[in-house]
C-alpha atoms as a PDB file:
ATOM      1  CA  MET A   1     100.596  47.105 137.667  1.00  0.00           C
ATOM      2  CA  THR A   2      98.605  46.959 134.472  1.00  0.00           C
ATOM      3  CA  LEU A   3     100.204  46.785 131.070  1.00  0.00           C
ATOM      4  CA  SER A   4      99.034  48.145 127.762  1.00  0.00           C
ATOM      5  CA  LYS A   5     100.248  46.449 124.604  1.00  0.00           C
ATOM      6  CA  ARG A   6      99.750  47.291 120.920  1.00  0.00           C
ATOM      7  CA  TRP A   7     100.260  44.653 118.292  1.00  0.00           C
ATOM      8  CA  GLY A   8      99.968  44.948 114.523  1.00  0.00           C
ATOM      9  CA  TRP A   9      99.074  42.012 112.342  1.00  0.00           C
ATOM     10  CA  ALA A  10     100.295  41.449 108.804  1.00  0.00           C
ATOM     11  CA  ALA A  11      99.588  39.034 105.995  1.00  0.00           C
ATOM     12  CA  ALA A  12     101.986  37.743 103.371  1.00  0.00           C
ATOM     13  CA  ALA A  13     101.092  40.731 101.195  1.00  0.00           C
ATOM     14  CA  SER A  14     102.599  42.994 103.920  1.00  0.00           C
ATOM     15  CA  VAL A  15      99.233  44.544 104.717  1.00  0.00           C
ATOM     16  CA  LEU A  16      99.264  45.565 108.375  1.00  0.00           C
ATOM     17  CA  LEU A  17      96.241  45.022 110.545  1.00  0.00           C
ATOM     18  CA  GLY A  18      96.039  46.813 113.881  1.00  0.00           C
ATOM     19  CA  ALA A  19      95.545  45.140 117.213  1.00  0.00           C
ATOM     20  CA  SER A  20      95.970  46.647 120.638  1.00  0.00           C
ATOM     21  CA  LEU A  21      96.118  45.666 124.253  1.00  0.00           C
ATOM     22  CA  LEU A  22      94.860  48.408 126.547  1.00  0.00           C
ATOM     23  CA  HIS A  23      95.325  49.631 130.098  1.00  0.00           C
ATOM     24  CA  ALA A  24      92.362  48.892 132.329  1.00  0.00           C
ATOM     25  CA  GLY A  25      89.788  51.635 131.876  1.00  0.00           C
ATOM     26  CA  GLN A  26      90.887  52.762 128.387  1.00  0.00           C
ATOM     27  CA  ALA A  27      88.365  52.786 125.567  1.00  0.00           C
ATOM     28  CA  LYS A  28      88.441  49.874 123.132  1.00  0.00           C
ATOM     29  CA  SER A  29      88.301  50.363 119.372  1.00  0.00           C
ATOM     30  CA  LYS A  30      85.037  49.268 117.762  1.00  0.00           C
ATOM     31  CA  LYS A  31      86.572  48.537 114.345  1.00  0.00           C
ATOM     32  CA  GLY A  32      85.367  45.338 112.697  1.00  0.00           C
ATOM     33  CA  PRO A  33      87.116  42.490 110.894  1.00  0.00           C
ATOM     34  CA  VAL A  34      89.637  43.167 108.162  1.00  0.00           C
ATOM     35  CA  ALA A  35      90.125  40.999 105.087  1.00  0.00           C
ATOM     36  CA  VAL A  36      93.553  40.678 103.492  1.00  0.00           C
ATOM     37  CA  PRO A  37      93.332  39.143 100.000  1.00  0.00           C
ATOM     38  CA  TRP A  38      96.135  38.030  97.737  1.00  0.00           C
ATOM     39  CA  GLN A  39      96.333  35.807  94.675  1.00  0.00           C
ATOM     40  CA  ASN A  40      98.492  32.738  94.113  1.00  0.00           C
ATOM     41  CA  VAL A  41      99.970  33.605  90.707  1.00  0.00           C
ATOM     42  CA  PHE A  42     102.018  30.420  90.225  1.00  0.00           C
ATOM     43  CA  SER A  43      99.138  28.292  88.966  1.00  0.00           C
ATOM     44  CA  PRO A  44      97.256  28.793  85.688  1.00  0.00           C
ATOM     45  CA  MET A  45      93.960  28.350  87.581  1.00  0.00           C
ATOM     46  CA  ALA A  46      95.038  30.165  90.735  1.00  0.00           C
ATOM     47  CA  SER A  47      93.183  29.896  94.000  1.00  0.00           C
ATOM     48  CA  THR A  48      92.371  33.139  95.799  1.00  0.00           C
ATOM     49  CA  TYR A  49      93.183  33.300  99.519  1.00  0.00           C
ATOM     50  CA  ILE A  50      91.621  35.707 102.001  1.00  0.00           C
ATOM     51  CA  LEU A  51      92.559  36.024 105.676  1.00  0.00           C
ATOM     52  CA  THR A  52      89.976  37.745 107.872  1.00  0.00           C
ATOM     53  CA  VAL A  53      91.166  38.697 111.366  1.00  0.00           C
ATOM     54  CA  ASN A  54      88.488  39.269 114.016  1.00  0.00           C
ATOM     55  CA  PRO A  55      88.491  41.159 116.244  1.00  0.00           C
ATOM     56  CA  MET A  56      90.836  43.591 114.610  1.00  0.00           C
ATOM     57  CA  ASN A  57      91.747  44.985 118.035  1.00  0.00           C
ATOM     58  CA  PRO A  58      91.957  42.113 120.544  1.00  0.00           C
ATOM     59  CA  THR A  59      92.553  43.327 124.090  1.00  0.00           C
ATOM     60  CA  ILE A  60      94.567  41.884 126.967  1.00  0.00           C
ATOM     61  CA  THR A  61      94.108  43.743 130.239  1.00  0.00           C
ATOM     62  CA  SER A  62      96.466  42.760 133.027  1.00  0.00           C
ATOM     63  CA  PRO A  63      94.828  42.976 136.476  1.00  0.00           C
ATOM     64  CA  GLY A  64      98.286  43.243 138.093  1.00  0.00           C
ATOM     65  CA  PRO A  65     101.562  41.463 138.810  1.00  0.00           C
ATOM     66  CA  GLY A  66     101.281  37.718 139.255  1.00  0.00           C
ATOM     67  CA  SER A  67      97.992  37.693 137.363  1.00  0.00           C
ATOM     68  CA  GLY A  68      97.293  36.129 134.016  1.00  0.00           C
ATOM     69  CA  ALA A  69      95.191  37.603 131.238  1.00  0.00           C
ATOM     70  CA  THR A  70      94.028  36.316 127.860  1.00  0.00           C
ATOM     71  CA  THR A  71      92.421  37.482 124.656  1.00  0.00           C
ATOM     72  CA  ASN A  72      90.831  35.605 121.756  1.00  0.00           C
ATOM     73  CA  MET A  73      91.275  36.155 118.041  1.00  0.00           C
ATOM     74  CA  THR A  74      89.848  34.273 115.069  1.00  0.00           C
ATOM     75  CA  VAL A  75      91.509  34.088 111.666  1.00  0.00           C
ATOM     76  CA  THR A  76      89.121  32.926 108.949  1.00  0.00           C
ATOM     77  CA  ILE A  77      90.776  31.413 105.876  1.00  0.00           C
ATOM     78  CA  THR A  78      88.703  31.603 102.698  1.00  0.00           C
ATOM     79  CA  ILE A  79      89.959  29.849  99.559  1.00  0.00           C
ATOM     80  CA  THR A  80      88.000  30.406  96.349  1.00  0.00           C
ATOM     81  CA  SER A  81      88.581  28.081  93.384  1.00  0.00           C
ATOM     82  CA  PRO A  82      90.481  25.586  95.563  1.00  0.00           C
ATOM     83  CA  THR A  83      93.070  23.366  93.870  1.00  0.00           C
ATOM     84  CA  ASN A  84      92.566  19.660  94.520  1.00  0.00           C
ATOM     85  CA  ASN A  85      94.968  18.140  97.088  1.00  0.00           C
ATOM     86  CA  LYS A  86      96.925  21.380  97.574  1.00  0.00           C
ATOM     87  CA  MET A  87      98.259  21.987 101.095  1.00  0.00           C
ATOM     88  CA  TRP A  88      98.151  25.346 102.887  1.00  0.00           C
ATOM     89  CA  TYR A  89     100.038  26.447 106.023  1.00  0.00           C
ATOM     90  CA  LEU A  90      99.398  29.331 108.429  1.00  0.00           C
ATOM     91  CA  TYR A  91     102.424  30.730 110.314  1.00  0.00           C
ATOM     92  CA  ILE A  92     102.858  33.335 113.056  1.00  0.00           C
ATOM     93  CA  SER A  93     105.960  35.298 114.083  1.00  0.00           C
ATOM     94  CA  ALA A  94     106.798  38.401 116.123  1.00  0.00           C
ATOM     95  CA  GLY A  95     109.068  41.247 115.030  1.00  0.00           C
ATOM     96  CA  GLY A  96     110.929  41.239 118.369  1.00  0.00           C
ATOM     97  CA  ASP A  97     110.306  41.863 122.058  1.00  0.00           C
ATOM     98  CA  LEU A  98     107.447  44.026 123.320  1.00  0.00           C
ATOM     99  CA  SER A  99     108.802  47.550 123.756  1.00  0.00           C
ATOM    100  CA  SER A 100     107.787  50.852 125.299  1.00  0.00           C
ATOM    101  CA  GLY A 101     110.404  53.535 124.734  1.00  0.00           C
ATOM    102  CA  GLY A 102     113.631  51.908 125.906  1.00  0.00           C
ATOM    103  CA  VAL A 103     111.895  49.326 128.120  1.00  0.00           C
ATOM    104  CA  THR A 104     111.244  45.803 126.822  1.00  0.00           C
ATOM    105  CA  ILE A 105     109.361  42.695 127.872  1.00  0.00           C
ATOM    106  CA  PRO A 106     110.483  39.432 126.236  1.00  0.00           C
ATOM    107  CA  ILE A 107     108.045  38.407 123.481  1.00  0.00           C
ATOM    108  CA  GLY A 108     108.144  34.855 124.862  1.00  0.00           C
ATOM    109  CA  THR A 109     106.099  36.023 127.861  1.00  0.00           C
ATOM    110  CA  VAL A 110     103.104  36.036 125.513  1.00  0.00           C
ATOM    111  CA  SER A 111     101.959  32.539 124.568  1.00  0.00           C
ATOM    112  CA  TRP A 112      99.344  31.257 122.129  1.00  0.00           C
ATOM    113  CA  THR A 113      97.166  28.225 121.572  1.00  0.00           C
ATOM    114  CA  ALA A 114      95.226  27.498 118.394  1.00  0.00           C
ATOM    115  CA  THR A 115      92.145  25.387 117.719  1.00  0.00           C
ATOM    116  CA  CYS A 116      90.613  24.460 114.379  1.00  0.00           C
ATOM    117  CA  PRO A 117      86.899  23.675 114.336  1.00  0.00           C
ATOM    118  CA  ALA A 118      85.494  21.794 111.344  1.00  0.00           C
ATOM    119  CA  PRO A 119      85.505  23.830 108.102  1.00  0.00           C
ATOM    120  CA  THR A 120      82.342  25.883 107.676  1.00  0.00           C
ATOM    121  CA  SER A 121      82.176  25.539 103.885  1.00  0.00           C
ATOM    122  CA  GLY A 122      83.578  23.450 101.057  1.00  0.00           C
ATOM    123  CA  SER A 123      85.684  20.321 100.824  1.00  0.00           C
ATOM    124  CA  GLY A 124      88.978  20.127 102.630  1.00  0.00           C
ATOM    125  CA  ASN A 125      90.382  19.910 106.110  1.00  0.00           C
ATOM    126  CA  SER A 126      92.331  21.869 108.695  1.00  0.00           C
ATOM    127  CA  THR A 127      94.517  20.895 111.642  1.00  0.00           C
ATOM    128  CA  CYS A 128      95.939  23.177 114.339  1.00  0.00           C
ATOM    129  CA  THR A 129      99.218  22.837 116.193  1.00  0.00           C
ATOM    130  CA  THR A 130      98.447  21.468 119.654  1.00  0.00           C
ATOM    131  CA  GLY A 131      99.606  22.836 122.993  1.00  0.00           C
ATOM    132  CA  SER A 132     100.692  26.222 124.292  1.00  0.00           C
ATOM    133  CA  HIS A 133     103.590  27.977 122.545  1.00  0.00           C
ATOM    134  CA  ALA A 134     105.572  31.107 123.368  1.00  0.00           C
ATOM    135  CA  LEU A 135     105.589  33.778 120.679  1.00  0.00           C
ATOM    136  CA  THR A 136     108.912  33.923 118.872  1.00  0.00           C
ATOM    137  CA  THR A 137     110.589  35.867 116.074  1.00  0.00           C
ATOM    138  CA  SER A 138     110.721  32.692 113.963  1.00  0.00           C
ATOM    139  CA  ASN A 139     107.860  31.581 111.724  1.00  0.00           C
ATOM    140  CA  VAL A 140     105.923  28.914 113.631  1.00  0.00           C
ATOM    141  CA  ARG A 141     103.215  26.877 111.921  1.00  0.00           C
ATOM    142  CA  THR A 142      99.920  27.269 113.767  1.00  0.00           C
ATOM    143  CA  ALA A 143      97.628  25.462 111.316  1.00  0.00           C
ATOM    144  CA  SER A 144      97.620  23.537 108.063  1.00  0.00           C
ATOM    145  CA  GLY A 145      95.110  21.920 105.779  1.00  0.00           C
ATOM    146  CA  GLU A 146      94.283  20.537 102.395  1.00  0.00           C
ATOM    147  CA  GLU A 147      92.089  22.275  99.874  1.00  0.00           C
ATOM    148  CA  ARG A 148      89.960  20.164  97.535  1.00  0.00           C
ATOM    149  CA  HIS A 149      87.625  20.674  94.614  1.00  0.00           C
ATOM    150  CA  GLY A 150      84.036  20.323  95.623  1.00  0.00           C
ATOM    151  CA  SER A 151      80.731  21.991  96.040  1.00  0.00           C
ATOM    152  CA  PRO A 152      80.521  24.761  97.059  1.00  0.00           C
ATOM    153  CA  ALA A 153      83.544  26.142  95.204  1.00  0.00           C
ATOM    154  CA  THR A 154      84.752  28.039  98.266  1.00  0.00           C
ATOM    155  CA  PHE A 155      86.567  26.500 101.234  1.00  0.00           C
ATOM    156  CA  VAL A 156      86.226  28.346 104.571  1.00  0.00           C
ATOM    157  CA  THR A 157      87.793  27.403 107.897  1.00  0.00           C
ATOM    158  CA  ASP A 158      88.637  29.200 111.158  1.00  0.00           C
ATOM    159  CA  VAL A 159      91.743  29.192 113.323  1.00  0.00           C
ATOM    160  CA  ASN A 160      90.866  30.314 116.863  1.00  0.00           C
ATOM    161  CA  TYR A 161      93.753  31.759 118.875  1.00  0.00           C
ATOM    162  CA  VAL A 162      94.014  32.437 122.598  1.00  0.00           C
ATOM    163  CA  PHE A 163      96.903  34.740 123.549  1.00  0.00           C
ATOM    164  CA  SER A 164      98.005  34.648 127.204  1.00  0.00           C
ATOM    165  CA  PHE A 165     100.224  36.916 129.287  1.00  0.00           C
ATOM    166  CA  THR A 166     101.293  36.659 132.931  1.00  0.00           C
ATOM    167  CA  ASP A 167     102.211  39.992 134.484  1.00  0.00           C
ATOM    168  CA  SER A 168     105.231  40.372 136.776  1.00  0.00           C
ATOM    169  CA  TRP A 169     106.488  42.936 139.286  1.00  0.00           C
ATOM    170  CA  SER A 170     109.639  43.165 137.157  1.00  0.00           C
ATOM    171  CA  TYR A 171     107.691  44.633 134.182  1.00  0.00           C
ATOM    172  CA  SER A 172     107.301  48.399 134.167  1.00  0.00           C
ATOM    173  CA  ALA A 173     103.793  49.700 133.563  1.00  0.00           C
ATOM    174  CA  GLY A 174     103.380  51.267 130.150  1.00  0.00           C
ATOM    175  CA  SER A 175     102.134  50.927 126.617  1.00  0.00           C
ATOM    176  CA  TYR A 176     104.159  48.253 124.826  1.00  0.00           C
ATOM    177  CA  SER A 177     104.118  47.379 121.140  1.00  0.00           C
ATOM    178  CA  GLN A 178     105.322  44.810 118.643  1.00  0.00           C
ATOM    179  CA  THR A 179     104.290  43.550 115.219  1.00  0.00           C
ATOM    180  CA  LEU A 180     103.048  40.022 114.654  1.00  0.00           C
ATOM    181  CA  THR A 181     103.007  38.556 111.164  1.00  0.00           C
ATOM    182  CA  LEU A 182     100.491  35.969 109.975  1.00  0.00           C
ATOM    183  CA  THR A 183     101.591  34.247 106.752  1.00  0.00           C
ATOM    184  CA  LEU A 184      99.416  31.885 104.709  1.00  0.00           C
ATOM    185  CA  ALA A 185     101.472  29.768 102.319  1.00  0.00           C
ATOM    186  CA  ASP A 186     100.404  27.071  99.897  1.00  0.00           C
ATOM    187  CA  VAL A 187     102.380  24.216  98.376  1.00  0.00           C
END
């Protein structure tokens, strides 16, 4: 049994980004990364935050029941005009169980891990939540960091996700979908 899943990704500005998981043998989308900008309007010298999700269409292909499959996704966080010593937090949540018509697969059967390499630009830091975690409908912090003034005036860091799924004979073959939400918050 192979499973096909479609996920959509969103940012705090409610902009949906598409992502899909395909049946073995189906064509994959060649769309590139998508940037989702929004402005922090609570500060007189507001920082600008941009989330870039790549690939836009990550794919998990299940080879069959009892088999595991994974896909990778990178979220790049870009902060222009960073505010000194201001913390940021990246959260993930699912809208519910995976569904295909009236058939569902519990969302907790999909798990994630996150890693944070060193920032690629600017002053600041980032830390990822360690370990493997089941997807849930609650906001779960996957990464956090501190932005700082410095040169260059733009802070850039990645959060690398690995999503895993283990197929089961009890799951009906089909095309399943659910929406995941990525939220970047600052304090």
